[in-house]
Structures are given as structure tokens and as C-alpha cells.
PDB file of N, CA and C in Angstrom:
ATOM      1  N   UNK A   1       0.932  -0.978   0.187  1.00  0.00           N
ATOM      2  CA  UNK A   1       0.318  -0.062  -0.061  1.00  0.00           C
ATOM      3  C   UNK A   1       1.009   1.153   0.137  1.00  0.00           C
ATOM      4  N   UNK A   2       0.781   1.924  -0.899  1.00  0.00           N
ATOM      5  CA  UNK A   2       1.555   3.202  -1.234  1.00  0.00           C
ATOM      6  C   UNK A   2       0.606   4.556  -0.802  1.00  0.00           C
ATOM      7  N   UNK A   3       1.478   5.223  -0.125  1.00  0.00           N
ATOM      8  CA  UNK A   3       0.892   6.819   0.223  1.00  0.00           C
ATOM      9  C   UNK A   3       0.973   7.482  -0.867  1.00  0.00           C
ATOM     10  N   UNK A   4      -0.013   8.070  -1.292  1.00  0.00           N
ATOM     11  CA  UNK A   4      -0.405   8.999  -2.402  1.00  0.00           C
ATOM     12  C   UNK A   4      -1.286  10.001  -2.053  1.00  0.00           C
ATOM     13  N   UNK A   5      -1.343  11.131  -2.846  1.00  0.00           N
ATOM     14  CA  UNK A   5      -2.436  12.276  -2.693  1.00  0.00           C
ATOM     15  C   UNK A   5      -3.159  12.369  -4.097  1.00  0.00           C
ATOM     16  N   UNK A   6      -4.139  11.745  -4.164  1.00  0.00           N
ATOM     17  CA  UNK A   6      -4.971  11.503  -5.368  1.00  0.00           C
ATOM     18  C   UNK A   6      -6.404  12.021  -5.210  1.00  0.00           C
ATOM     19  N   UNK A   7      -6.631  13.171  -6.083  1.00  0.00           N
ATOM     20  CA  UNK A   7      -8.069  13.845  -5.823  1.00  0.00           C
ATOM     21  C   UNK A   7      -8.775  13.811  -7.047  1.00  0.00           C
ATOM     22  N   UNK A   8     -10.076  13.148  -7.062  1.00  0.00           N
ATOM     23  CA  UNK A   8     -10.889  13.094  -7.985  1.00  0.00           C
ATOM     24  C   UNK A   8     -12.054  13.651  -7.728  1.00  0.00           C
ATOM     25  N   UNK A   9     -12.437  14.839  -8.213  1.00  0.00           N
ATOM     26  CA  UNK A   9     -13.506  15.600  -8.165  1.00  0.00           C
ATOM     27  C   UNK A   9     -13.406  16.024  -6.559  1.00  0.00           C
ATOM     28  N   UNK A  10     -14.543  15.755  -5.943  1.00  0.00           N
ATOM     29  CA  UNK A  10     -14.256  16.174  -4.411  1.00  0.00           C
ATOM     30  C   UNK A  10     -13.855  15.012  -3.480  1.00  0.00           C
ATOM     31  N   UNK A  11     -13.427  14.188  -3.990  1.00  0.00           N
ATOM     32  CA  UNK A  11     -12.640  13.067  -3.243  1.00  0.00           C
ATOM     33  C   UNK A  11     -11.346  13.104  -3.167  1.00  0.00           C
ATOM     34  N   UNK A  12     -10.642  13.040  -2.009  1.00  0.00           N
ATOM     35  CA  UNK A  12      -9.273  13.031  -1.842  1.00  0.00           C
ATOM     36  C   UNK A  12      -8.884  11.695  -1.144  1.00  0.00           C
ATOM     37  N   UNK A  13      -7.811  10.837  -1.879  1.00  0.00           N
ATOM     38  CA  UNK A  13      -7.447   9.518  -1.184  1.00  0.00           C
ATOM     39  C   UNK A  13      -5.962   9.458  -0.974  1.00  0.00           C
ATOM     40  N   UNK A  14      -5.389   9.137   0.032  1.00  0.00           N
ATOM     41  CA  UNK A  14      -4.217   9.179   0.374  1.00  0.00           C
ATOM     42  C   UNK A  14      -3.400   7.680   0.710  1.00  0.00           C
ATOM     43  N   UNK A  15      -3.928   6.799   0.105  1.00  0.00           N
ATOM     44  CA  UNK A  15      -3.475   5.311  -0.020  1.00  0.00           C
ATOM     45  C   UNK A  15      -3.938   4.679  -1.277  1.00  0.00           C
ATOM     46  N   UNK A  16      -2.920   3.952  -1.751  1.00  0.00           N
ATOM     47  CA  UNK A  16      -3.504   3.324  -3.246  1.00  0.00           C
ATOM     48  C   UNK A  16      -2.650   2.045  -3.173  1.00  0.00           C
ATOM     49  N   UNK A  17      -3.306   1.255  -3.956  1.00  0.00           N
ATOM     50  CA  UNK A  17      -2.454  -0.163  -4.426  1.00  0.00           C
ATOM     51  C   UNK A  17      -3.299  -0.342  -5.742  1.00  0.00           C
ATOM     52  N   UNK A  18      -2.368  -0.851  -6.775  1.00  0.00           N
ATOM     53  CA  UNK A  18      -2.667  -1.303  -8.237  1.00  0.00           C
ATOM     54  C   UNK A  18      -2.368  -2.795  -8.470  1.00  0.00           C
ATOM     55  N   UNK A  19      -3.402  -3.298  -8.975  1.00  0.00           N
ATOM     56  CA  UNK A  19      -3.148  -4.624  -9.415  1.00  0.00           C
ATOM     57  C   UNK A  19      -3.053  -4.646 -10.942  1.00  0.00           C
ATOM     58  N   UNK A  20      -1.754  -4.754 -11.432  1.00  0.00           N
ATOM     59  CA  UNK A  20      -1.623  -4.489 -12.987  1.00  0.00           C
ATOM     60  C   UNK A  20      -2.037  -5.711 -13.810  1.00  0.00           C
ATOM     61  N   UNK A  21      -2.131  -7.046 -12.909  1.00  0.00           N
ATOM     62  CA  UNK A  21      -2.657  -8.333 -13.704  1.00  0.00           C
ATOM     63  C   UNK A  21      -4.131  -7.804 -14.011  1.00  0.00           C
ATOM     64  N   UNK A  22      -4.780  -7.605 -13.039  1.00  0.00           N
ATOM     65  CA  UNK A  22      -6.262  -7.424 -13.178  1.00  0.00           C
ATOM     66  C   UNK A  22      -6.764  -5.940 -13.552  1.00  0.00           C
ATOM     67  N   UNK A  23      -5.887  -4.985 -13.567  1.00  0.00           N
ATOM     68  CA  UNK A  23      -6.143  -3.641 -13.860  1.00  0.00           C
ATOM     69  C   UNK A  23      -7.126  -3.101 -13.029  1.00  0.00           C
ATOM     70  N   UNK A  24      -7.120  -3.359 -11.629  1.00  0.00           N
ATOM     71  CA  UNK A  24      -7.526  -2.647 -10.814  1.00  0.00           C
ATOM     72  C   UNK A  24      -7.105  -1.986  -9.686  1.00  0.00           C
ATOM     73  N   UNK A  25      -7.684  -0.503  -9.715  1.00  0.00           N
ATOM     74  CA  UNK A  25      -7.155   0.351  -8.752  1.00  0.00           C
ATOM     75  C   UNK A  25      -7.611   0.661  -7.333  1.00  0.00           C
ATOM     76  N   UNK A  26      -7.232   0.416  -6.391  1.00  0.00           N
ATOM     77  CA  UNK A  26      -7.698   0.613  -4.937  1.00  0.00           C
ATOM     78  C   UNK A  26      -7.384   1.720  -4.296  1.00  0.00           C
ATOM     79  N   UNK A  27      -8.352   2.638  -4.159  1.00  0.00           N
ATOM     80  CA  UNK A  27      -7.932   3.883  -3.404  1.00  0.00           C
ATOM     81  C   UNK A  27      -8.516   3.976  -2.141  1.00  0.00           C
ATOM     82  N   UNK A  28      -7.797   4.613  -1.235  1.00  0.00           N
ATOM     83  CA  UNK A  28      -8.303   4.544   0.290  1.00  0.00           C
ATOM     84  C   UNK A  28      -8.196   5.914   0.964  1.00  0.00           C
ATOM     85  N   UNK A  29      -9.050   6.137   2.007  1.00  0.00           N
ATOM     86  CA  UNK A  29      -8.949   7.286   2.745  1.00  0.00           C
ATOM     87  C   UNK A  29      -8.361   6.730   3.998  1.00  0.00           C
ATOM     88  N   UNK A  30      -7.030   7.013   4.267  1.00  0.00           N
ATOM     89  CA  UNK A  30      -6.562   6.270   5.543  1.00  0.00           C
ATOM     90  C   UNK A  30      -6.124   5.093   5.163  1.00  0.00           C
ATOM     91  N   UNK A  31      -5.742   4.121   6.239  1.00  0.00           N
ATOM     92  CA  UNK A  31      -5.543   2.789   6.019  1.00  0.00           C
ATOM     93  C   UNK A  31      -6.722   2.100   5.484  1.00  0.00           C
ATOM     94  N   UNK A  32      -6.763   0.997   4.882  1.00  0.00           N
ATOM     95  CA  UNK A  32      -8.235   0.294   4.040  1.00  0.00           C
ATOM     96  C   UNK A  32      -8.745  -0.158   5.462  1.00  0.00           C
ATOM     97  N   UNK A  33      -9.923  -0.145   5.490  1.00  0.00           N
ATOM     98  CA  UNK A  33     -10.880  -0.477   6.399  1.00  0.00           C
ATOM     99  C   UNK A  33     -12.197  -0.835   5.960  1.00  0.00           C
ATOM    100  N   UNK A  34     -13.029  -1.590   6.560  1.00  0.00           N
ATOM    101  CA  UNK A  34     -14.241  -2.165   6.573  1.00  0.00           C
ATOM    102  C   UNK A  34     -15.160  -1.129   5.799  1.00  0.00           C
ATOM    103  N   UNK A  35     -16.117  -1.378   4.937  1.00  0.00           N
ATOM    104  CA  UNK A  35     -16.832  -0.245   4.267  1.00  0.00           C
ATOM    105  C   UNK A  35     -18.105  -1.184   3.732  1.00  0.00           C
ATOM    106  N   UNK A  36     -19.232  -0.287   3.317  1.00  0.00           N
ATOM    107  CA  UNK A  36     -20.195  -0.841   2.603  1.00  0.00           C
ATOM    108  C   UNK A  36     -20.218  -0.516   1.221  1.00  0.00           C
ATOM    109  N   UNK A  37     -20.080  -1.233   0.315  1.00  0.00           N
ATOM    110  CA  UNK A  37     -19.786  -0.938  -1.165  1.00  0.00           C
ATOM    111  C   UNK A  37     -21.244  -0.654  -1.930  1.00  0.00           C
ATOM    112  N   UNK A  38     -20.865   0.016  -2.846  1.00  0.00           N
ATOM    113  CA  UNK A  38     -22.010   0.566  -3.744  1.00  0.00           C
ATOM    114  C   UNK A  38     -21.488   0.626  -5.217  1.00  0.00           C
ATOM    115  N   UNK A  39     -22.021   0.058  -6.145  1.00  0.00           N
ATOM    116  CA  UNK A  39     -21.353  -0.044  -7.151  1.00  0.00           C
ATOM    117  C   UNK A  39     -21.938   1.158  -8.270  1.00  0.00           C
ATOM    118  N   UNK A  40     -21.006   2.043  -8.832  1.00  0.00           N
ATOM    119  CA  UNK A  40     -21.504   3.165  -9.677  1.00  0.00           C
ATOM    120  C   UNK A  40     -21.863   2.290 -11.232  1.00  0.00           C
ATOM    121  N   UNK A  41     -22.436   3.389 -11.779  1.00  0.00           N
ATOM    122  CA  UNK A  41     -22.862   3.260 -13.178  1.00  0.00           C
ATOM    123  C   UNK A  41     -21.765   2.668 -14.202  1.00  0.00           C
ATOM    124  N   UNK A  42     -20.735   3.181 -13.855  1.00  0.00           N
ATOM    125  CA  UNK A  42     -19.620   2.637 -14.648  1.00  0.00           C
ATOM    126  C   UNK A  42     -18.998   1.397 -14.164  1.00  0.00           C
ATOM    127  N   UNK A  43     -19.440   0.582 -13.279  1.00  0.00           N
ATOM    128  CA  UNK A  43     -19.194  -0.668 -12.779  1.00  0.00           C
ATOM    129  C   UNK A  43     -17.981  -0.407 -11.706  1.00  0.00           C
ATOM    130  N   UNK A  44     -17.588   0.431 -11.143  1.00  0.00           N
ATOM    131  CA  UNK A  44     -16.589   0.764 -10.070  1.00  0.00           C
ATOM    132  C   UNK A  44     -17.385   0.683  -8.957  1.00  0.00           C
ATOM    133  N   UNK A  45     -16.686   0.452  -7.627  1.00  0.00           N
ATOM    134  CA  UNK A  45     -17.425   0.378  -6.298  1.00  0.00           C
ATOM    135  C   UNK A  45     -16.867   1.470  -5.432  1.00  0.00           C
ATOM    136  N   UNK A  46     -17.890   2.120  -4.836  1.00  0.00           N
ATOM    137  CA  UNK A  46     -17.450   3.203  -3.931  1.00  0.00           C
ATOM    138  C   UNK A  46     -17.644   2.456  -2.322  1.00  0.00           C
ATOM    139  N   UNK A  47     -16.792   2.685  -1.598  1.00  0.00           N
ATOM    140  CA  UNK A  47     -17.036   2.150  -0.291  1.00  0.00           C
ATOM    141  C   UNK A  47     -17.221   3.172   0.781  1.00  0.00           C
ATOM    142  N   UNK A  48     -18.255   3.028   1.752  1.00  0.00           N
ATOM    143  CA  UNK A  48     -18.511   3.913   2.567  1.00  0.00           C
ATOM    144  C   UNK A  48     -18.467   3.316   4.081  1.00  0.00           C
ATOM    145  N   UNK A  49     -18.092   4.520   5.026  1.00  0.00           N
ATOM    146  CA  UNK A  49     -18.010   4.015   6.595  1.00  0.00           C
ATOM    147  C   UNK A  49     -19.396   3.367   6.736  1.00  0.00           C
ATOM    148  N   UNK A  50     -19.359   2.124   7.580  1.00  0.00           N
ATOM    149  CA  UNK A  50     -20.690   1.662   7.570  1.00  0.00           C
ATOM    150  C   UNK A  50     -21.611   2.669   8.458  1.00  0.00           C
ATOM    151  N   UNK A  51     -22.921   2.480   7.883  1.00  0.00           N
ATOM    152  CA  UNK A  51     -23.775   3.362   8.238  1.00  0.00           C
ATOM    153  C   UNK A  51     -23.698   4.801   8.369  1.00  0.00           C
ATOM    154  N   UNK A  52     -22.886   5.398   7.260  1.00  0.00           N
ATOM    155  CA  UNK A  52     -22.653   6.711   6.886  1.00  0.00           C
ATOM    156  C   UNK A  52     -22.531   6.986   5.320  1.00  0.00           C
ATOM    157  N   UNK A  53     -22.484   8.142   4.988  1.00  0.00           N
ATOM    158  CA  UNK A  53     -22.108   8.603   3.679  1.00  0.00           C
ATOM    159  C   UNK A  53     -20.829   9.063   3.504  1.00  0.00           C
ATOM    160  N   UNK A  54     -20.064   8.750   4.512  1.00  0.00           N
ATOM    161  CA  UNK A  54     -18.675   9.192   4.409  1.00  0.00           C
ATOM    162  C   UNK A  54     -17.704   8.200   3.364  1.00  0.00           C
ATOM    163  N   UNK A  55     -17.124   8.549   2.305  1.00  0.00           N
ATOM    164  CA  UNK A  55     -16.780   7.643   1.514  1.00  0.00           C
ATOM    165  C   UNK A  55     -15.142   7.354   2.116  1.00  0.00           C
ATOM    166  N   UNK A  56     -14.938   6.075   2.264  1.00  0.00           N
ATOM    167  CA  UNK A  56     -13.512   5.468   2.603  1.00  0.00           C
ATOM    168  C   UNK A  56     -12.712   4.616   1.791  1.00  0.00           C
ATOM    169  N   UNK A  57     -13.328   4.612   0.416  1.00  0.00           N
ATOM    170  CA  UNK A  57     -12.436   3.695  -0.389  1.00  0.00           C
ATOM    171  C   UNK A  57     -13.195   3.721  -1.842  1.00  0.00           C
ATOM    172  N   UNK A  58     -12.431   3.436  -2.908  1.00  0.00           N
ATOM    173  CA  UNK A  58     -12.914   3.477  -4.117  1.00  0.00           C
ATOM    174  C   UNK A  58     -12.048   2.234  -4.863  1.00  0.00           C
ATOM    175  N   UNK A  59     -12.878   1.445  -5.462  1.00  0.00           N
ATOM    176  CA  UNK A  59     -12.187   0.489  -6.253  1.00  0.00           C
ATOM    177  C   UNK A  59     -12.618   0.384  -7.805  1.00  0.00           C
ATOM    178  N   UNK A  60     -11.510   0.953  -8.638  1.00  0.00           N
ATOM    179  CA  UNK A  60     -11.548   1.359 -10.089  1.00  0.00           C
ATOM    180  C   UNK A  60     -11.371   0.061 -11.001  1.00  0.00           C
ATOM    181  N   UNK A  61     -12.345  -0.578 -11.572  1.00  0.00           N
ATOM    182  CA  UNK A  61     -12.196  -1.599 -12.409  1.00  0.00           C
ATOM    183  C   UNK A  61     -11.672  -1.319 -13.754  1.00  0.00           C
ATOM    184  N   UNK A  62     -10.569  -1.720 -14.470  1.00  0.00           N
ATOM    185  CA  UNK A  62     -10.204  -1.417 -15.598  1.00  0.00           C
ATOM    186  C   UNK A  62      -9.544   0.151 -15.655  1.00  0.00           C
ATOM    187  N   UNK A  63      -8.933   0.415 -14.950  1.00  0.00           N
ATOM    188  CA  UNK A  63      -8.510   1.843 -14.679  1.00  0.00           C
ATOM    189  C   UNK A  63      -7.412   2.316 -16.139  1.00  0.00           C
ATOM    190  N   UNK A  64      -6.432   1.450 -15.899  1.00  0.00           N
ATOM    191  CA  UNK A  64      -5.523   1.653 -16.930  1.00  0.00           C
ATOM    192  C   UNK A  64      -6.138   1.853 -18.470  1.00  0.00           C
ATOM    193  N   UNK A  65      -6.941   0.799 -18.730  1.00  0.00           N
ATOM    194  CA  UNK A  65      -7.620   0.704 -20.043  1.00  0.00           C
ATOM    195  C   UNK A  65      -8.777   1.719 -20.227  1.00  0.00           C
ATOM    196  N   UNK A  66      -9.451   2.076 -19.364  1.00  0.00           N
ATOM    197  CA  UNK A  66     -10.292   3.567 -19.486  1.00  0.00           C
ATOM    198  C   UNK A  66      -9.363   4.658 -19.788  1.00  0.00           C
ATOM    199  N   UNK A  67      -8.211   4.874 -19.220  1.00  0.00           N
ATOM    200  CA  UNK A  67      -7.575   5.972 -19.432  1.00  0.00           C
ATOM    201  C   UNK A  67      -6.916   6.034 -20.885  1.00  0.00           C
ATOM    202  N   UNK A  68      -6.419   4.599 -21.286  1.00  0.00           N
ATOM    203  CA  UNK A  68      -5.950   4.569 -22.684  1.00  0.00           C
ATOM    204  C   UNK A  68      -7.061   4.807 -23.800  1.00  0.00           C
ATOM    205  N   UNK A  69      -8.155   4.202 -23.386  1.00  0.00           N
ATOM    206  CA  UNK A  69      -9.296   4.228 -24.451  1.00  0.00           C
ATOM    207  C   UNK A  69      -9.968   5.801 -24.358  1.00  0.00           C
ATOM    208  N   UNK A  70     -10.278   6.142 -23.383  1.00  0.00           N
ATOM    209  CA  UNK A  70     -10.946   7.409 -23.284  1.00  0.00           C
ATOM    210  C   UNK A  70     -10.208   8.688 -23.073  1.00  0.00           C
ATOM    211  N   UNK A  71      -9.004   8.528 -22.519  1.00  0.00           N
ATOM    212  CA  UNK A  71      -8.151   9.731 -22.047  1.00  0.00           C
ATOM    213  C   UNK A  71      -8.545  10.179 -20.728  1.00  0.00           C
ATOM    214  N   UNK A  72      -9.516   9.702 -20.044  1.00  0.00           N
ATOM    215  CA  UNK A  72     -10.055  10.227 -18.934  1.00  0.00           C
ATOM    216  C   UNK A  72     -10.742   9.033 -18.252  1.00  0.00           C
ATOM    217  N   UNK A  73     -11.071   9.177 -16.842  1.00  0.00           N
ATOM    218  CA  UNK A  73     -11.735   8.180 -16.056  1.00  0.00           C
ATOM    219  C   UNK A  73     -13.029   8.946 -15.514  1.00  0.00           C
ATOM    220  N   UNK A  74     -14.177   8.480 -15.753  1.00  0.00           N
ATOM    221  CA  UNK A  74     -15.374   8.951 -15.118  1.00  0.00           C
ATOM    222  C   UNK A  74     -16.116   8.052 -14.039  1.00  0.00           C
ATOM    223  N   UNK A  75     -16.174   8.427 -13.144  1.00  0.00           N
ATOM    224  CA  UNK A  75     -16.668   7.980 -11.832  1.00  0.00           C
ATOM    225  C   UNK A  75     -18.004   8.494 -11.332  1.00  0.00           C
ATOM    226  N   UNK A  76     -18.922   8.120 -10.971  1.00  0.00           N
ATOM    227  CA  UNK A  76     -20.119   8.926 -10.474  1.00  0.00           C
ATOM    228  C   UNK A  76     -20.266   8.436  -8.837  1.00  0.00           C
ATOM    229  N   UNK A  77     -20.179   9.616  -8.159  1.00  0.00           N
ATOM    230  CA  UNK A  77     -20.136   9.654  -6.800  1.00  0.00           C
ATOM    231  C   UNK A  77     -20.941  10.645  -5.913  1.00  0.00           C
ATOM    232  N   UNK A  78     -22.088  10.961  -5.781  1.00  0.00           N
ATOM    233  CA  UNK A  78     -23.175  10.592  -6.903  1.00  0.00           C
ATOM    234  C   UNK A  78     -22.974  11.363  -8.093  1.00  0.00           C
ATOM    235  N   UNK A  79     -22.463  12.552  -8.195  1.00  0.00           N
ATOM    236  CA  UNK A  79     -22.386  13.215  -9.601  1.00  0.00           C
ATOM    237  C   UNK A  79     -21.144  12.677 -10.356  1.00  0.00           C
ATOM    238  N   UNK A  80     -21.207  12.489 -11.576  1.00  0.00           N
ATOM    239  CA  UNK A  80     -19.925  12.298 -12.419  1.00  0.00           C
ATOM    240  C   UNK A  80     -18.808  13.088 -12.233  1.00  0.00           C
ATOM    241  N   UNK A  81     -17.648  12.784 -11.952  1.00  0.00           N
ATOM    242  CA  UNK A  81     -16.617  13.320 -11.836  1.00  0.00           C
ATOM    243  C   UNK A  81     -15.448  12.738 -12.750  1.00  0.00           C
ATOM    244  N   UNK A  82     -14.501  13.562 -13.202  1.00  0.00           N
ATOM    245  CA  UNK A  82     -13.544  12.802 -14.235  1.00  0.00           C
ATOM    246  C   UNK A  82     -11.961  13.037 -13.584  1.00  0.00           C
ATOM    247  N   UNK A  83     -11.158  12.095 -14.018  1.00  0.00           N
ATOM    248  CA  UNK A  83      -9.774  12.530 -13.853  1.00  0.00           C
ATOM    249  C   UNK A  83      -8.981  11.910 -15.097  1.00  0.00           C
ATOM    250  N   UNK A  84      -7.678  12.281 -14.912  1.00  0.00           N
ATOM    251  CA  UNK A  84      -6.656  12.014 -15.947  1.00  0.00           C
ATOM    252  C   UNK A  84      -5.835  11.014 -15.548  1.00  0.00           C
ATOM    253  N   UNK A  85      -5.100  10.648 -16.616  1.00  0.00           N
ATOM    254  CA  UNK A  85      -3.807   9.747 -16.468  1.00  0.00           C
ATOM    255  C   UNK A  85      -2.681  10.509 -15.518  1.00  0.00           C
ATOM    256  N   UNK A  86      -2.491  11.575 -15.794  1.00  0.00           N
ATOM    257  CA  UNK A  86      -1.705  12.301 -14.866  1.00  0.00           C
ATOM    258  C   UNK A  86      -2.109  12.415 -13.595  1.00  0.00           C
ATOM    259  N   UNK A  87      -3.335  12.604 -13.379  1.00  0.00           N
ATOM    260  CA  UNK A  87      -3.735  13.003 -11.877  1.00  0.00           C
ATOM    261  C   UNK A  87      -3.489  11.485 -11.040  1.00  0.00           C
ATOM    262  N   UNK A  88      -3.981  10.277 -11.924  1.00  0.00           N
ATOM    263  CA  UNK A  88      -3.801   8.912 -11.418  1.00  0.00           C
ATOM    264  C   UNK A  88      -2.547   8.394 -11.458  1.00  0.00           C
ATOM    265  N   UNK A  89      -1.411   9.076 -11.972  1.00  0.00           N
ATOM    266  CA  UNK A  89      -0.059   8.506 -12.159  1.00  0.00           C
ATOM    267  C   UNK A  89       0.513   8.078 -10.775  1.00  0.00           C
ATOM    268  N   UNK A  90       0.443   8.532  -9.824  1.00  0.00           N
ATOM    269  CA  UNK A  90       0.981   7.889  -8.457  1.00  0.00           C
ATOM    270  C   UNK A  90       0.256   6.792  -7.950  1.00  0.00           C
ATOM    271  N   UNK A  91      -1.016   6.822  -8.181  1.00  0.00           N
ATOM    272  CA  UNK A  91      -1.674   5.609  -7.774  1.00  0.00           C
ATOM    273  C   UNK A  91      -1.585   4.288  -8.625  1.00  0.00           C
ATOM    274  N   UNK A  92      -1.399   4.637 -10.069  1.00  0.00           N
ATOM    275  CA  UNK A  92      -1.174   3.513 -10.884  1.00  0.00           C
ATOM    276  C   UNK A  92       0.254   3.010 -10.688  1.00  0.00           C
ATOM    277  N   UNK A  93       0.994   3.579 -10.188  1.00  0.00           N
ATOM    278  CA  UNK A  93       2.323   3.048  -9.845  1.00  0.00           C
ATOM    279  C   UNK A  93       2.429   2.479  -8.440  1.00  0.00           C
ATOM    280  N   UNK A  94       1.369   2.706  -7.847  1.00  0.00           N
ATOM    281  CA  UNK A  94       1.430   1.800  -6.364  1.00  0.00           C
ATOM    282  C   UNK A  94       1.257   0.432  -6.656  1.00  0.00           C
ATOM    283  N   UNK A  95       2.176  -0.426  -6.384  1.00  0.00           N
ATOM    284  CA  UNK A  95       1.864  -1.815  -6.498  1.00  0.00           C
ATOM    285  C   UNK A  95       2.096  -2.649  -5.110  1.00  0.00           C
TER     286      UNK A  95
END
């Protein structure tokens, strides 16, 4: 788990792990913790602290593929926000 500073729209994450084999990016607020997951329209998973609306994590499926294909990554949390490859570079390097 790498310490990073990633901002996607109104969300800020300070820990990341990237699985290059599965092309899955795990972003966390603080150390990973239990959360209640909710799938976004894009197929990603937003994790909330149990019983709250506070986002504690985000699992991005096909992160690098989407960036290469579209030039950006869109995530609905609940409004759609976008980020770029440059903004996600530190997280995508976190193995």
C-alpha cells in the first residue's frame, strides 16, 4: 500500500494499491478499512464507512484501460467526476 495524494472531483485519497494483472486500482482514505460498497453506473465500487455517507474507499475496475481508451476516467459519486492519467499516475504506480 503506497501513500499518495489523489484527488478525483471532491474526493481525496491518501493510500493506493494497483493490481496491474487485473487492472484494478484500490484507493483509500487512510488505511484500508471495512466499508459498505455501492456500485457506480460505470461498474466501479465506492465504499462508505458503515452506516454513513462518508466515502472511505474506491475500487476502480479497468483503470488503465479506460484511461488509454478514453483519455480520462469517469466515476459517479453521486455526481459524475473525471480524472486524467496524469492525476492518477502516482496511484497507478502503487503496486
